Amino acid sequence: MSRVIKEKVLSVPEVKEIMEKIGEENLDQFQRRTLDYATKFSKIDAKNAKKLIKKLVNEFKLEEGEAVQIVNCMPESIEELRVFLAGGRKIVETSKLESILALLEKFRKKE
């Protein structure tokens, strides 16, 4: 019987990195599909994803789950970005959203 030791929210790029370290030959069918998905939908690499999540949490006071979803999707407009911020329940200043988009763009260009 397995037990949970630690639970952590991971971005798609982080999942990809972990599964690549395990090695495709050591993955079962479900895990191979997960790796395929992570490979197709990772917008930035895992190292930059971790840095970006940290910045979004520390500088913009976002919840970790919100930051991970933003990194997974890398929205390109204010309208797209609003979708990830508490389901639109809280008002976020446009200037803050523009700053977040500028940060996302910097990380997008690092690739």
N, C-alpha and C. Protein backbone atom coordinates (compact mmCIF):
# COMPACT_ATOMS: atom_id res chain seq x y z
N MET A 1 0.84 -1.17 0.00
CA MET A 1 0.00 0.00 0.00
C MET A 1 0.89 1.25 0.00
N SER A 2 0.61 2.16 -0.92
CA SER A 2 1.42 3.38 -1.00
C SER A 2 0.76 4.48 -0.18
N ARG A 3 1.59 5.41 0.26
CA ARG A 3 1.04 6.53 1.02
C ARG A 3 1.68 7.82 0.50
N VAL A 4 0.95 8.89 0.65
CA VAL A 4 1.41 10.19 0.19
C VAL A 4 2.37 10.75 1.23
N ILE A 5 3.57 11.08 0.78
CA ILE A 5 4.57 11.66 1.67
C ILE A 5 4.52 13.18 1.59
N LYS A 6 4.38 13.67 0.37
CA LYS A 6 4.35 15.11 0.16
C LYS A 6 3.52 15.39 -1.09
N GLU A 7 2.76 16.46 -1.05
CA GLU A 7 1.97 16.86 -2.19
C GLU A 7 2.46 18.21 -2.68
N LYS A 8 2.66 18.34 -4.00
CA LYS A 8 3.16 19.59 -4.56
C LYS A 8 2.50 19.82 -5.90
N VAL A 9 2.11 21.06 -6.15
CA VAL A 9 1.53 21.43 -7.44
C VAL A 9 2.69 21.57 -8.43
N LEU A 10 2.58 20.92 -9.58
CA LEU A 10 3.63 20.98 -10.60
C LEU A 10 3.08 21.57 -11.89
N SER A 11 3.93 22.30 -12.57
CA SER A 11 3.58 22.80 -13.89
C SER A 11 3.82 21.69 -14.91
N VAL A 12 3.24 21.84 -16.08
CA VAL A 12 3.43 20.86 -17.15
C VAL A 12 4.92 20.72 -17.51
N PRO A 13 5.69 21.82 -17.62
CA PRO A 13 7.12 21.65 -17.91
C PRO A 13 7.88 20.87 -16.82
N GLU A 14 7.47 21.04 -15.56
CA GLU A 14 8.11 20.29 -14.48
C GLU A 14 7.78 18.80 -14.57
N VAL A 15 6.54 18.48 -14.92
CA VAL A 15 6.14 17.08 -15.11
C VAL A 15 6.98 16.47 -16.23
N LYS A 16 7.12 17.20 -17.30
CA LYS A 16 7.92 16.71 -18.44
C LYS A 16 9.35 16.40 -18.00
N GLU A 17 9.95 17.32 -17.25
CA GLU A 17 11.33 17.13 -16.80
C GLU A 17 11.45 15.87 -15.91
N ILE A 18 10.54 15.69 -15.00
CA ILE A 18 10.58 14.53 -14.10
C ILE A 18 10.45 13.24 -14.90
N MET A 19 9.51 13.21 -15.83
CA MET A 19 9.27 11.98 -16.59
C MET A 19 10.43 11.68 -17.53
N GLU A 20 11.07 12.71 -18.07
CA GLU A 20 12.24 12.48 -18.92
C GLU A 20 13.40 11.90 -18.11
N LYS A 21 13.53 12.34 -16.85
CA LYS A 21 14.58 11.81 -15.97
C LYS A 21 14.36 10.33 -15.67
N ILE A 22 13.09 9.93 -15.55
CA ILE A 22 12.77 8.52 -15.30
C ILE A 22 13.17 7.69 -16.52
N GLY A 23 12.97 8.25 -17.70
CA GLY A 23 13.31 7.55 -18.94
C GLY A 23 12.10 6.87 -19.53
N GLU A 24 11.87 7.11 -20.80
CA GLU A 24 10.67 6.59 -21.45
C GLU A 24 10.57 5.07 -21.37
N GLU A 25 11.71 4.39 -21.41
CA GLU A 25 11.70 2.92 -21.35
C GLU A 25 11.21 2.39 -20.00
N ASN A 26 11.21 3.23 -18.98
CA ASN A 26 10.77 2.82 -17.65
C ASN A 26 9.33 3.24 -17.33
N LEU A 27 8.66 3.82 -18.30
CA LEU A 27 7.30 4.32 -18.09
C LEU A 27 6.26 3.32 -18.57
N ASP A 28 5.13 3.26 -17.86
CA ASP A 28 4.03 2.43 -18.35
C ASP A 28 3.26 3.22 -19.41
N GLN A 29 2.23 2.62 -19.96
CA GLN A 29 1.48 3.24 -21.06
C GLN A 29 0.88 4.59 -20.66
N PHE A 30 0.26 4.66 -19.48
CA PHE A 30 -0.34 5.90 -19.00
C PHE A 30 0.72 6.98 -18.83
N GLN A 31 1.86 6.61 -18.26
CA GLN A 31 2.93 7.57 -18.04
C GLN A 31 3.52 8.06 -19.37
N ARG A 32 3.60 7.19 -20.36
CA ARG A 32 4.08 7.60 -21.69
C ARG A 32 3.13 8.62 -22.32
N ARG A 33 1.83 8.40 -22.15
CA ARG A 33 0.84 9.36 -22.66
C ARG A 33 0.99 10.70 -21.95
N THR A 34 1.24 10.63 -20.65
CA THR A 34 1.43 11.86 -19.87
C THR A 34 2.67 12.59 -20.36
N LEU A 35 3.75 11.88 -20.60
CA LEU A 35 4.97 12.49 -21.12
C LEU A 35 4.71 13.10 -22.50
N ASP A 36 3.99 12.40 -23.35
CA ASP A 36 3.66 12.92 -24.67
C ASP A 36 2.88 14.22 -24.55
N TYR A 37 1.88 14.24 -23.67
CA TYR A 37 1.09 15.45 -23.43
C TYR A 37 1.99 16.59 -22.95
N ALA A 38 2.81 16.30 -21.95
CA ALA A 38 3.69 17.33 -21.37
C ALA A 38 4.66 17.87 -22.41
N THR A 39 5.15 17.02 -23.28
CA THR A 39 6.06 17.44 -24.34
C THR A 39 5.35 18.36 -25.33
N LYS A 40 4.14 18.02 -25.71
CA LYS A 40 3.39 18.81 -26.68
C LYS A 40 2.94 20.16 -26.12
N PHE A 41 2.61 20.21 -24.84
CA PHE A 41 1.98 21.40 -24.29
C PHE A 41 2.86 22.25 -23.38
N SER A 42 4.12 21.88 -23.20
CA SER A 42 5.03 22.73 -22.42
C SER A 42 5.38 23.96 -23.25
N LYS A 43 5.15 25.12 -22.68
CA LYS A 43 5.40 26.37 -23.39
C LYS A 43 6.80 26.92 -23.11
N ILE A 44 7.38 26.53 -21.96
CA ILE A 44 8.75 26.93 -21.60
C ILE A 44 9.40 25.74 -20.92
N ASP A 45 10.71 25.81 -20.68
CA ASP A 45 11.38 24.69 -20.02
C ASP A 45 11.13 24.72 -18.51
N ALA A 46 11.44 23.62 -17.85
CA ALA A 46 11.13 23.46 -16.42
C ALA A 46 11.88 24.47 -15.55
N LYS A 47 13.13 24.73 -15.88
CA LYS A 47 13.92 25.67 -15.08
C LYS A 47 13.27 27.06 -15.08
N ASN A 48 12.90 27.53 -16.26
CA ASN A 48 12.25 28.83 -16.37
C ASN A 48 10.85 28.81 -15.78
N ALA A 49 10.15 27.68 -15.88
CA ALA A 49 8.82 27.56 -15.28
C ALA A 49 8.90 27.75 -13.77
N LYS A 50 9.88 27.12 -13.13
CA LYS A 50 10.05 27.26 -11.68
C LYS A 50 10.34 28.71 -11.30
N LYS A 51 11.23 29.34 -12.05
CA LYS A 51 11.57 30.75 -11.78
C LYS A 51 10.34 31.65 -11.94
N LEU A 52 9.60 31.41 -13.01
CA LEU A 52 8.43 32.23 -13.30
C LEU A 52 7.34 32.06 -12.23
N ILE A 53 7.11 30.84 -11.81
CA ILE A 53 6.12 30.59 -10.75
C ILE A 53 6.53 31.33 -9.48
N LYS A 54 7.80 31.25 -9.14
CA LYS A 54 8.30 31.92 -7.94
C LYS A 54 8.08 33.43 -8.03
N LYS A 55 8.38 34.02 -9.19
CA LYS A 55 8.19 35.45 -9.38
C LYS A 55 6.72 35.84 -9.29
N LEU A 56 5.86 35.05 -9.91
CA LEU A 56 4.42 35.36 -9.88
C LEU A 56 3.88 35.31 -8.45
N VAL A 57 4.35 34.36 -7.67
CA VAL A 57 3.91 34.23 -6.28
C VAL A 57 4.49 35.36 -5.41
N ASN A 58 5.78 35.59 -5.53
CA ASN A 58 6.45 36.56 -4.66
C ASN A 58 6.21 38.02 -5.05
N GLU A 59 6.30 38.32 -6.33
CA GLU A 59 6.19 39.71 -6.77
C GLU A 59 4.74 40.17 -6.97
N PHE A 60 3.89 39.26 -7.41
CA PHE A 60 2.52 39.64 -7.72
C PHE A 60 1.51 39.08 -6.72
N LYS A 61 2.01 38.38 -5.70
CA LYS A 61 1.16 37.84 -4.62
C LYS A 61 0.04 36.94 -5.14
N LEU A 62 0.36 36.13 -6.17
CA LEU A 62 -0.61 35.17 -6.67
C LEU A 62 -0.53 33.89 -5.85
N GLU A 63 -1.60 33.15 -5.81
CA GLU A 63 -1.57 31.84 -5.18
C GLU A 63 -0.76 30.91 -6.08
N GLU A 64 -0.11 29.91 -5.48
CA GLU A 64 0.73 29.01 -6.26
C GLU A 64 -0.06 28.32 -7.37
N GLY A 65 -1.28 27.89 -7.07
CA GLY A 65 -2.10 27.23 -8.09
C GLY A 65 -2.40 28.13 -9.27
N GLU A 66 -2.67 29.41 -8.99
CA GLU A 66 -2.91 30.38 -10.07
C GLU A 66 -1.64 30.54 -10.91
N ALA A 67 -0.51 30.67 -10.23
CA ALA A 67 0.77 30.86 -10.94
C ALA A 67 1.08 29.66 -11.84
N VAL A 68 0.85 28.46 -11.34
CA VAL A 68 1.11 27.25 -12.13
C VAL A 68 0.23 27.23 -13.37
N GLN A 69 -1.05 27.54 -13.21
CA GLN A 69 -1.95 27.54 -14.37
C GLN A 69 -1.55 28.59 -15.40
N ILE A 70 -1.11 29.74 -14.93
CA ILE A 70 -0.64 30.79 -15.84
C ILE A 70 0.58 30.31 -16.61
N VAL A 71 1.51 29.67 -15.93
CA VAL A 71 2.72 29.15 -16.59
C VAL A 71 2.35 28.03 -17.57
N ASN A 72 1.40 27.20 -17.22
CA ASN A 72 0.98 26.12 -18.12
C ASN A 72 0.42 26.66 -19.43
N CYS A 73 -0.31 27.76 -19.36
CA CYS A 73 -0.99 28.29 -20.55
C CYS A 73 -0.30 29.49 -21.18
N MET A 74 0.52 30.21 -20.41
CA MET A 74 1.23 31.38 -20.91
C MET A 74 0.32 32.31 -21.72
N PRO A 75 -0.72 32.86 -21.09
CA PRO A 75 -1.66 33.73 -21.80
C PRO A 75 -0.97 34.93 -22.44
N GLU A 76 -1.55 35.43 -23.53
CA GLU A 76 -0.95 36.52 -24.29
C GLU A 76 -1.77 37.81 -24.24
N SER A 77 -2.90 37.79 -23.56
CA SER A 77 -3.71 39.01 -23.47
C SER A 77 -4.26 39.16 -22.05
N ILE A 78 -4.69 40.37 -21.73
CA ILE A 78 -5.27 40.63 -20.42
C ILE A 78 -6.53 39.79 -20.22
N GLU A 79 -7.34 39.66 -21.26
CA GLU A 79 -8.57 38.88 -21.16
C GLU A 79 -8.26 37.42 -20.83
N GLU A 80 -7.25 36.85 -21.50
CA GLU A 80 -6.86 35.47 -21.22
C GLU A 80 -6.32 35.35 -19.79
N LEU A 81 -5.55 36.31 -19.36
CA LEU A 81 -4.94 36.28 -18.03
C LEU A 81 -5.99 36.36 -16.92
N ARG A 82 -7.01 37.17 -17.12
CA ARG A 82 -8.07 37.32 -16.11
C ARG A 82 -8.74 35.98 -15.78
N VAL A 83 -8.82 35.09 -16.74
CA VAL A 83 -9.46 33.79 -16.55
C VAL A 83 -8.80 33.01 -15.40
N PHE A 84 -7.51 33.19 -15.21
CA PHE A 84 -6.76 32.41 -14.22
C PHE A 84 -6.77 33.02 -12.82
N LEU A 85 -7.23 34.23 -12.71
CA LEU A 85 -7.14 34.91 -11.42
C LEU A 85 -8.45 34.82 -10.66
N ALA A 86 -8.56 33.80 -9.84
CA ALA A 86 -9.70 33.56 -8.95
C ALA A 86 -11.03 33.53 -9.70
N GLY A 87 -11.00 33.03 -10.89
CA GLY A 87 -12.24 32.88 -11.65
C GLY A 87 -12.97 34.19 -11.86
N GLY A 88 -12.23 35.30 -11.86
CA GLY A 88 -12.83 36.60 -12.07
C GLY A 88 -13.54 37.16 -10.84
N ARG A 89 -13.39 36.49 -9.69
CA ARG A 89 -14.08 36.95 -8.47
C ARG A 89 -13.39 38.16 -7.83
N LYS A 90 -12.11 38.32 -8.10
CA LYS A 90 -11.45 39.49 -7.51
C LYS A 90 -11.02 40.44 -8.63
N ILE A 91 -11.04 41.71 -8.32
CA ILE A 91 -10.67 42.73 -9.29
C ILE A 91 -9.16 42.91 -9.24
N VAL A 92 -8.53 42.81 -10.40
CA VAL A 92 -7.08 43.01 -10.50
C VAL A 92 -6.86 44.21 -11.41
N GLU A 93 -6.04 45.14 -10.94
CA GLU A 93 -5.79 46.35 -11.71
C GLU A 93 -5.16 45.99 -13.06
N THR A 94 -5.55 46.73 -14.08
CA THR A 94 -5.03 46.50 -15.43
C THR A 94 -3.52 46.67 -15.46
N SER A 95 -2.98 47.61 -14.70
CA SER A 95 -1.52 47.81 -14.69
C SER A 95 -0.80 46.57 -14.17
N LYS A 96 -1.39 45.91 -13.17
CA LYS A 96 -0.79 44.68 -12.63
C LYS A 96 -0.83 43.58 -13.69
N LEU A 97 -1.95 43.47 -14.38
CA LEU A 97 -2.08 42.46 -15.44
C LEU A 97 -1.08 42.72 -16.56
N GLU A 98 -0.90 43.97 -16.92
CA GLU A 98 0.08 44.32 -17.96
C GLU A 98 1.50 43.96 -17.51
N SER A 99 1.79 44.17 -16.24
CA SER A 99 3.12 43.81 -15.71
C SER A 99 3.33 42.30 -15.75
N ILE A 100 2.29 41.55 -15.42
CA ILE A 100 2.38 40.08 -15.48
C ILE A 100 2.61 39.64 -16.92
N LEU A 101 1.87 40.23 -17.86
CA LEU A 101 2.05 39.87 -19.28
C LEU A 101 3.46 40.19 -19.75
N ALA A 102 4.01 41.32 -19.31
CA ALA A 102 5.38 41.69 -19.68
C ALA A 102 6.37 40.65 -19.15
N LEU A 103 6.16 40.19 -17.93
CA LEU A 103 7.02 39.16 -17.35
C LEU A 103 6.90 37.86 -18.14
N LEU A 104 5.69 37.47 -18.48
CA LEU A 104 5.49 36.26 -19.28
C LEU A 104 6.22 36.36 -20.61
N GLU A 105 6.15 37.54 -21.21
CA GLU A 105 6.81 37.74 -22.50
C GLU A 105 8.32 37.58 -22.39
N LYS A 106 8.91 38.08 -21.31
CA LYS A 106 10.36 37.93 -21.09
C LYS A 106 10.74 36.45 -21.04
N PHE A 107 9.94 35.67 -20.33
CA PHE A 107 10.23 34.24 -20.23
C PHE A 107 9.95 33.49 -21.53
N ARG A 108 8.97 33.96 -22.28
CA ARG A 108 8.66 33.35 -23.57
C ARG A 108 9.83 33.54 -24.53
N LYS A 109 10.51 34.69 -24.44
CA LYS A 109 11.61 35.00 -25.36
C LYS A 109 12.90 34.28 -24.97
N LYS A 110 13.00 33.75 -23.75
CA LYS A 110 14.19 33.03 -23.31
C LYS A 110 14.34 31.70 -24.02
N GLU A 111 13.25 31.20 -24.55
CA GLU A 111 13.26 29.87 -25.20
C GLU A 111 14.05 29.89 -26.48
